[in-house]
Amino acid sequence: MSLFTVSEARAVLRDLLPVLDRVVALRADAAELAAAVSPGGEPSGLGGLPEWKAAQAELDDLLTSVQQTGAELKGFAPLLVDFPSDLDGAPVLLCWLEGDTELGWYHRLDLGFAGRRRLA
């Protein structure tokens, strides 16, 4: 596992933001399509089974591209991305949550999201 400095993680996140925005949009489309193809589901203007499968495949590709940066996907709805790091000699995860405009949070490994604190 590679560690990110805060500036490295912020740079990677800047590059990932368009990908993460696409994941959020595609997640909603996939949910609508899944409902449409389920028994008794209401038809969707987005399409049917082929479009649902295509959305799933694109989501898989996008999520794989996020993980290939060394970032860790911790949540899908809401989207949560962690960057392994070290602050003042302690292992932490720099934490980005869907809706955040920048990487401004971290938490200790043993505390998880509940221990989330602002970066200095």
N, C-alpha and C. Protein backbone atom coordinates (compact mmCIF):
# COMPACT_ATOMS: atom_id res chain seq x y z
N MET A 1 0.85 -1.18 0.00
CA MET A 1 0.00 0.00 0.00
C MET A 1 0.89 1.24 0.00
N SER A 2 0.68 2.10 -0.97
CA SER A 2 1.46 3.33 -1.02
C SER A 2 0.75 4.41 -0.20
N LEU A 3 1.55 5.30 0.34
CA LEU A 3 1.01 6.39 1.13
C LEU A 3 1.04 7.67 0.31
N PHE A 4 0.03 8.49 0.52
CA PHE A 4 -0.07 9.78 -0.15
C PHE A 4 0.29 10.88 0.83
N THR A 5 0.98 11.90 0.35
CA THR A 5 1.06 13.13 1.11
C THR A 5 -0.28 13.84 0.90
N VAL A 6 -0.57 14.83 1.69
CA VAL A 6 -1.81 15.58 1.52
C VAL A 6 -1.84 16.21 0.13
N SER A 7 -0.74 16.81 -0.30
CA SER A 7 -0.73 17.46 -1.61
C SER A 7 -0.86 16.44 -2.74
N GLU A 8 -0.25 15.27 -2.61
CA GLU A 8 -0.41 14.23 -3.64
C GLU A 8 -1.87 13.76 -3.72
N ALA A 9 -2.47 13.53 -2.57
CA ALA A 9 -3.86 13.08 -2.54
C ALA A 9 -4.78 14.14 -3.15
N ARG A 10 -4.51 15.40 -2.84
CA ARG A 10 -5.34 16.46 -3.42
C ARG A 10 -5.19 16.53 -4.93
N ALA A 11 -3.97 16.32 -5.43
CA ALA A 11 -3.75 16.33 -6.87
C ALA A 11 -4.47 15.16 -7.54
N VAL A 12 -4.38 13.98 -6.94
CA VAL A 12 -5.08 12.81 -7.50
C VAL A 12 -6.59 13.05 -7.47
N LEU A 13 -7.09 13.60 -6.37
CA LEU A 13 -8.52 13.87 -6.27
C LEU A 13 -8.97 14.85 -7.35
N ARG A 14 -8.18 15.89 -7.59
CA ARG A 14 -8.54 16.85 -8.65
C ARG A 14 -8.72 16.12 -9.98
N ASP A 15 -7.81 15.19 -10.27
CA ASP A 15 -7.92 14.42 -11.51
C ASP A 15 -9.11 13.47 -11.49
N LEU A 16 -9.46 12.98 -10.30
CA LEU A 16 -10.55 12.01 -10.17
C LEU A 16 -11.94 12.65 -10.13
N LEU A 17 -12.04 13.92 -9.80
CA LEU A 17 -13.36 14.53 -9.64
C LEU A 17 -14.29 14.34 -10.84
N PRO A 18 -13.81 14.49 -12.09
CA PRO A 18 -14.72 14.21 -13.21
C PRO A 18 -15.18 12.75 -13.25
N VAL A 19 -14.30 11.84 -12.89
CA VAL A 19 -14.65 10.42 -12.83
C VAL A 19 -15.68 10.19 -11.74
N LEU A 20 -15.46 10.78 -10.58
CA LEU A 20 -16.38 10.62 -9.45
C LEU A 20 -17.75 11.23 -9.77
N ASP A 21 -17.75 12.38 -10.45
CA ASP A 21 -19.02 12.98 -10.88
C ASP A 21 -19.76 12.05 -11.83
N ARG A 22 -19.03 11.40 -12.73
CA ARG A 22 -19.66 10.45 -13.66
C ARG A 22 -20.20 9.24 -12.90
N VAL A 23 -19.47 8.77 -11.90
CA VAL A 23 -19.95 7.64 -11.09
C VAL A 23 -21.29 8.00 -10.43
N VAL A 24 -21.38 9.20 -9.86
CA VAL A 24 -22.62 9.62 -9.19
C VAL A 24 -23.78 9.65 -10.18
N ALA A 25 -23.56 10.22 -11.36
CA ALA A 25 -24.62 10.30 -12.36
C ALA A 25 -25.01 8.91 -12.86
N LEU A 26 -24.01 8.10 -13.12
CA LEU A 26 -24.26 6.76 -13.65
C LEU A 26 -24.91 5.86 -12.59
N ARG A 27 -24.57 6.08 -11.34
CA ARG A 27 -25.19 5.33 -10.24
C ARG A 27 -26.70 5.55 -10.23
N ALA A 28 -27.12 6.78 -10.43
CA ALA A 28 -28.55 7.09 -10.48
C ALA A 28 -29.20 6.45 -11.70
N ASP A 29 -28.53 6.54 -12.85
CA ASP A 29 -29.08 5.90 -14.05
C ASP A 29 -29.21 4.40 -13.86
N ALA A 30 -28.19 3.77 -13.29
CA ALA A 30 -28.21 2.32 -13.09
C ALA A 30 -29.33 1.92 -12.13
N ALA A 31 -29.57 2.72 -11.10
CA ALA A 31 -30.66 2.42 -10.17
C ALA A 31 -32.00 2.49 -10.88
N GLU A 32 -32.18 3.51 -11.72
CA GLU A 32 -33.44 3.64 -12.46
C GLU A 32 -33.62 2.48 -13.43
N LEU A 33 -32.55 2.14 -14.12
CA LEU A 33 -32.62 1.03 -15.07
C LEU A 33 -32.87 -0.30 -14.37
N ALA A 34 -32.24 -0.50 -13.22
CA ALA A 34 -32.46 -1.74 -12.46
C ALA A 34 -33.92 -1.86 -12.06
N ALA A 35 -34.51 -0.76 -11.64
CA ALA A 35 -35.93 -0.78 -11.28
C ALA A 35 -36.79 -1.08 -12.51
N ALA A 36 -36.40 -0.53 -13.65
CA ALA A 36 -37.18 -0.73 -14.88
C ALA A 36 -37.15 -2.17 -15.35
N VAL A 37 -36.03 -2.85 -15.17
CA VAL A 37 -35.92 -4.24 -15.66
C VAL A 37 -36.38 -5.26 -14.63
N SER A 38 -36.68 -4.83 -13.43
CA SER A 38 -37.16 -5.77 -12.42
C SER A 38 -38.63 -6.11 -12.72
N PRO A 39 -39.07 -7.28 -12.28
CA PRO A 39 -40.47 -7.66 -12.54
C PRO A 39 -41.44 -6.59 -12.01
N GLY A 40 -42.32 -6.16 -12.89
CA GLY A 40 -43.29 -5.14 -12.52
C GLY A 40 -42.74 -3.73 -12.49
N GLY A 41 -41.49 -3.57 -12.91
CA GLY A 41 -40.86 -2.25 -12.89
C GLY A 41 -41.46 -1.32 -13.93
N GLU A 42 -41.43 -0.03 -13.61
CA GLU A 42 -41.93 0.97 -14.55
C GLU A 42 -40.88 1.19 -15.64
N PRO A 43 -41.32 1.29 -16.89
CA PRO A 43 -40.37 1.55 -17.97
C PRO A 43 -39.61 2.86 -17.75
N SER A 44 -38.39 2.89 -18.26
CA SER A 44 -37.55 4.08 -18.14
C SER A 44 -37.20 4.60 -19.52
N GLY A 45 -37.17 5.90 -19.64
CA GLY A 45 -36.72 6.52 -20.87
C GLY A 45 -35.25 6.30 -21.13
N LEU A 46 -34.54 5.80 -20.11
CA LEU A 46 -33.11 5.53 -20.26
C LEU A 46 -32.86 4.23 -21.01
N GLY A 47 -33.87 3.37 -21.09
CA GLY A 47 -33.69 2.11 -21.81
C GLY A 47 -34.12 0.93 -20.97
N GLY A 48 -33.51 -0.21 -21.27
CA GLY A 48 -33.85 -1.45 -20.60
C GLY A 48 -32.62 -2.25 -20.23
N LEU A 49 -32.72 -3.56 -20.40
CA LEU A 49 -31.66 -4.46 -19.97
C LEU A 49 -30.31 -4.16 -20.61
N PRO A 50 -30.22 -3.91 -21.93
CA PRO A 50 -28.89 -3.62 -22.50
C PRO A 50 -28.26 -2.37 -21.90
N GLU A 51 -29.07 -1.35 -21.67
CA GLU A 51 -28.54 -0.10 -21.10
C GLU A 51 -28.13 -0.30 -19.64
N TRP A 52 -28.89 -1.12 -18.92
CA TRP A 52 -28.55 -1.41 -17.53
C TRP A 52 -27.21 -2.15 -17.46
N LYS A 53 -27.04 -3.15 -18.32
CA LYS A 53 -25.77 -3.89 -18.35
C LYS A 53 -24.61 -2.98 -18.75
N ALA A 54 -24.86 -2.09 -19.70
CA ALA A 54 -23.82 -1.14 -20.12
C ALA A 54 -23.46 -0.19 -18.98
N ALA A 55 -24.46 0.26 -18.23
CA ALA A 55 -24.20 1.15 -17.09
C ALA A 55 -23.39 0.43 -16.03
N GLN A 56 -23.71 -0.82 -15.76
CA GLN A 56 -22.96 -1.60 -14.78
C GLN A 56 -21.50 -1.77 -15.23
N ALA A 57 -21.31 -2.06 -16.50
CA ALA A 57 -19.95 -2.24 -17.02
C ALA A 57 -19.15 -0.94 -16.93
N GLU A 58 -19.79 0.17 -17.27
CA GLU A 58 -19.08 1.46 -17.18
C GLU A 58 -18.76 1.79 -15.73
N LEU A 59 -19.70 1.53 -14.81
CA LEU A 59 -19.43 1.76 -13.39
C LEU A 59 -18.25 0.94 -12.93
N ASP A 60 -18.19 -0.32 -13.31
CA ASP A 60 -17.06 -1.18 -12.94
C ASP A 60 -15.74 -0.58 -13.44
N ASP A 61 -15.74 -0.12 -14.69
CA ASP A 61 -14.52 0.47 -15.26
C ASP A 61 -14.11 1.73 -14.50
N LEU A 62 -15.08 2.59 -14.20
CA LEU A 62 -14.78 3.84 -13.48
C LEU A 62 -14.26 3.56 -12.08
N LEU A 63 -14.89 2.64 -11.38
CA LEU A 63 -14.46 2.33 -10.01
C LEU A 63 -13.08 1.68 -10.01
N THR A 64 -12.81 0.87 -11.02
CA THR A 64 -11.47 0.28 -11.15
C THR A 64 -10.43 1.38 -11.38
N SER A 65 -10.77 2.36 -12.20
CA SER A 65 -9.81 3.45 -12.46
C SER A 65 -9.53 4.25 -11.19
N VAL A 66 -10.52 4.39 -10.33
CA VAL A 66 -10.29 5.07 -9.05
C VAL A 66 -9.31 4.26 -8.20
N GLN A 67 -9.55 2.97 -8.10
CA GLN A 67 -8.70 2.12 -7.27
C GLN A 67 -7.28 2.02 -7.81
N GLN A 68 -7.11 2.12 -9.11
CA GLN A 68 -5.78 2.04 -9.69
C GLN A 68 -4.89 3.21 -9.31
N THR A 69 -5.47 4.28 -8.80
CA THR A 69 -4.67 5.42 -8.34
C THR A 69 -4.05 5.16 -6.97
N GLY A 70 -4.50 4.11 -6.29
CA GLY A 70 -4.07 3.84 -4.92
C GLY A 70 -5.09 4.29 -3.89
N ALA A 71 -6.11 5.02 -4.35
CA ALA A 71 -7.20 5.43 -3.45
C ALA A 71 -8.05 4.21 -3.12
N GLU A 72 -8.74 4.28 -2.00
CA GLU A 72 -9.59 3.18 -1.55
C GLU A 72 -11.05 3.62 -1.57
N LEU A 73 -11.87 2.84 -2.26
CA LEU A 73 -13.31 3.11 -2.27
C LEU A 73 -13.91 2.50 -1.01
N LYS A 74 -14.53 3.33 -0.19
CA LYS A 74 -15.10 2.85 1.05
C LYS A 74 -16.61 2.90 1.06
N GLY A 75 -17.20 3.61 0.11
CA GLY A 75 -18.65 3.69 0.03
C GLY A 75 -19.08 4.00 -1.38
N PHE A 76 -20.28 3.53 -1.72
CA PHE A 76 -20.80 3.73 -3.07
C PHE A 76 -21.96 4.70 -3.08
N ALA A 77 -22.77 4.69 -2.03
CA ALA A 77 -23.91 5.61 -1.94
C ALA A 77 -24.09 5.98 -0.47
N PRO A 78 -23.53 7.07 -0.02
CA PRO A 78 -22.77 8.05 -0.79
C PRO A 78 -21.36 7.56 -1.12
N LEU A 79 -20.79 8.15 -2.13
CA LEU A 79 -19.44 7.81 -2.57
C LEU A 79 -18.45 8.30 -1.52
N LEU A 80 -17.55 7.40 -1.12
CA LEU A 80 -16.55 7.72 -0.10
C LEU A 80 -15.22 7.18 -0.57
N VAL A 81 -14.21 8.05 -0.64
CA VAL A 81 -12.89 7.67 -1.12
C VAL A 81 -11.86 8.07 -0.07
N ASP A 82 -11.00 7.10 0.30
CA ASP A 82 -9.94 7.35 1.27
C ASP A 82 -8.58 7.22 0.58
N PHE A 83 -7.63 8.02 1.08
CA PHE A 83 -6.26 7.99 0.60
C PHE A 83 -5.36 7.66 1.79
N PRO A 84 -4.71 6.50 1.80
CA PRO A 84 -3.81 6.16 2.90
C PRO A 84 -2.71 7.21 3.03
N SER A 85 -2.44 7.60 4.27
CA SER A 85 -1.46 8.65 4.50
C SER A 85 -0.84 8.47 5.87
N ASP A 86 0.02 9.41 6.21
CA ASP A 86 0.69 9.44 7.50
C ASP A 86 0.73 10.90 7.94
N LEU A 87 0.12 11.19 9.07
CA LEU A 87 0.16 12.54 9.63
C LEU A 87 0.84 12.51 10.97
N ASP A 88 1.93 13.25 11.07
CA ASP A 88 2.68 13.33 12.31
C ASP A 88 3.04 11.95 12.85
N GLY A 89 3.41 11.04 11.96
CA GLY A 89 3.85 9.72 12.36
C GLY A 89 2.73 8.72 12.63
N ALA A 90 1.50 9.13 12.46
CA ALA A 90 0.37 8.23 12.70
C ALA A 90 -0.30 7.87 11.37
N PRO A 91 -0.60 6.58 11.17
CA PRO A 91 -1.30 6.20 9.95
C PRO A 91 -2.74 6.71 9.98
N VAL A 92 -3.14 7.35 8.89
CA VAL A 92 -4.49 7.90 8.77
C VAL A 92 -5.01 7.65 7.37
N LEU A 93 -6.28 7.94 7.19
CA LEU A 93 -6.89 7.94 5.87
C LEU A 93 -7.39 9.35 5.60
N LEU A 94 -6.89 9.95 4.53
CA LEU A 94 -7.42 11.23 4.08
C LEU A 94 -8.75 10.90 3.41
N CYS A 95 -9.77 11.64 3.76
CA CYS A 95 -11.13 11.20 3.49
C CYS A 95 -11.90 12.21 2.64
N TRP A 96 -12.43 11.74 1.49
CA TRP A 96 -13.30 12.55 0.64
C TRP A 96 -14.67 11.90 0.59
N LEU A 97 -15.70 12.68 0.83
CA LEU A 97 -17.08 12.22 0.81
C LEU A 97 -17.82 12.94 -0.31
N GLU A 98 -18.65 12.22 -1.02
CA GLU A 98 -19.48 12.81 -2.07
C GLU A 98 -20.09 14.11 -1.57
N GLY A 99 -19.93 15.16 -2.37
CA GLY A 99 -20.42 16.48 -1.98
C GLY A 99 -19.31 17.40 -1.51
N ASP A 100 -18.20 16.82 -1.01
CA ASP A 100 -17.05 17.64 -0.62
C ASP A 100 -16.46 18.26 -1.89
N THR A 101 -16.03 19.51 -1.77
CA THR A 101 -15.43 20.17 -2.93
C THR A 101 -13.91 20.00 -2.98
N GLU A 102 -13.35 19.53 -1.86
CA GLU A 102 -11.91 19.31 -1.81
C GLU A 102 -11.61 18.24 -0.77
N LEU A 103 -10.36 17.85 -0.70
CA LEU A 103 -9.92 16.88 0.30
C LEU A 103 -9.56 17.67 1.56
N GLY A 104 -10.44 17.66 2.54
CA GLY A 104 -10.22 18.47 3.72
C GLY A 104 -10.38 17.72 5.03
N TRP A 105 -10.46 16.39 4.99
CA TRP A 105 -10.73 15.60 6.19
C TRP A 105 -9.79 14.39 6.28
N TYR A 106 -9.64 13.89 7.47
CA TYR A 106 -8.90 12.65 7.70
C TYR A 106 -9.50 11.95 8.90
N HIS A 107 -9.15 10.69 9.06
CA HIS A 107 -9.50 9.96 10.28
C HIS A 107 -8.46 8.89 10.54
N ARG A 108 -8.30 8.58 11.81
CA ARG A 108 -7.40 7.49 12.20
C ARG A 108 -7.96 6.18 11.66
N LEU A 109 -7.08 5.23 11.43
CA LEU A 109 -7.50 3.93 10.90
C LEU A 109 -8.47 3.23 11.84
N ASP A 110 -8.22 3.34 13.13
CA ASP A 110 -9.03 2.60 14.10
C ASP A 110 -10.37 3.29 14.41
N LEU A 111 -10.54 4.53 13.98
CA LEU A 111 -11.77 5.25 14.31
C LEU A 111 -12.77 5.28 13.17
N GLY A 112 -12.30 5.15 11.95
CA GLY A 112 -13.21 5.20 10.82
C GLY A 112 -13.87 6.56 10.66
N PHE A 113 -14.93 6.56 9.88
CA PHE A 113 -15.60 7.80 9.51
C PHE A 113 -16.07 8.60 10.72
N ALA A 114 -16.48 7.91 11.77
CA ALA A 114 -16.97 8.61 12.98
C ALA A 114 -15.89 9.48 13.61
N GLY A 115 -14.63 9.16 13.35
CA GLY A 115 -13.53 9.95 13.91
C GLY A 115 -12.98 10.98 12.94
N ARG A 116 -13.76 11.32 11.96
CA ARG A 116 -13.33 12.27 10.91
C ARG A 116 -13.03 13.65 11.49
N ARG A 117 -11.88 14.19 11.12
CA ARG A 117 -11.44 15.53 11.57
C ARG A 117 -10.97 16.34 10.37
N ARG A 118 -11.06 17.65 10.52
CA ARG A 118 -10.57 18.57 9.47
C ARG A 118 -9.05 18.53 9.42
N LEU A 119 -8.53 18.58 8.21
CA LEU A 119 -7.09 18.74 8.03
C LEU A 119 -6.70 20.17 8.40
N ALA A 120 -5.53 20.32 8.95
CA ALA A 120 -5.05 21.66 9.31
C ALA A 120 -4.76 22.47 8.07
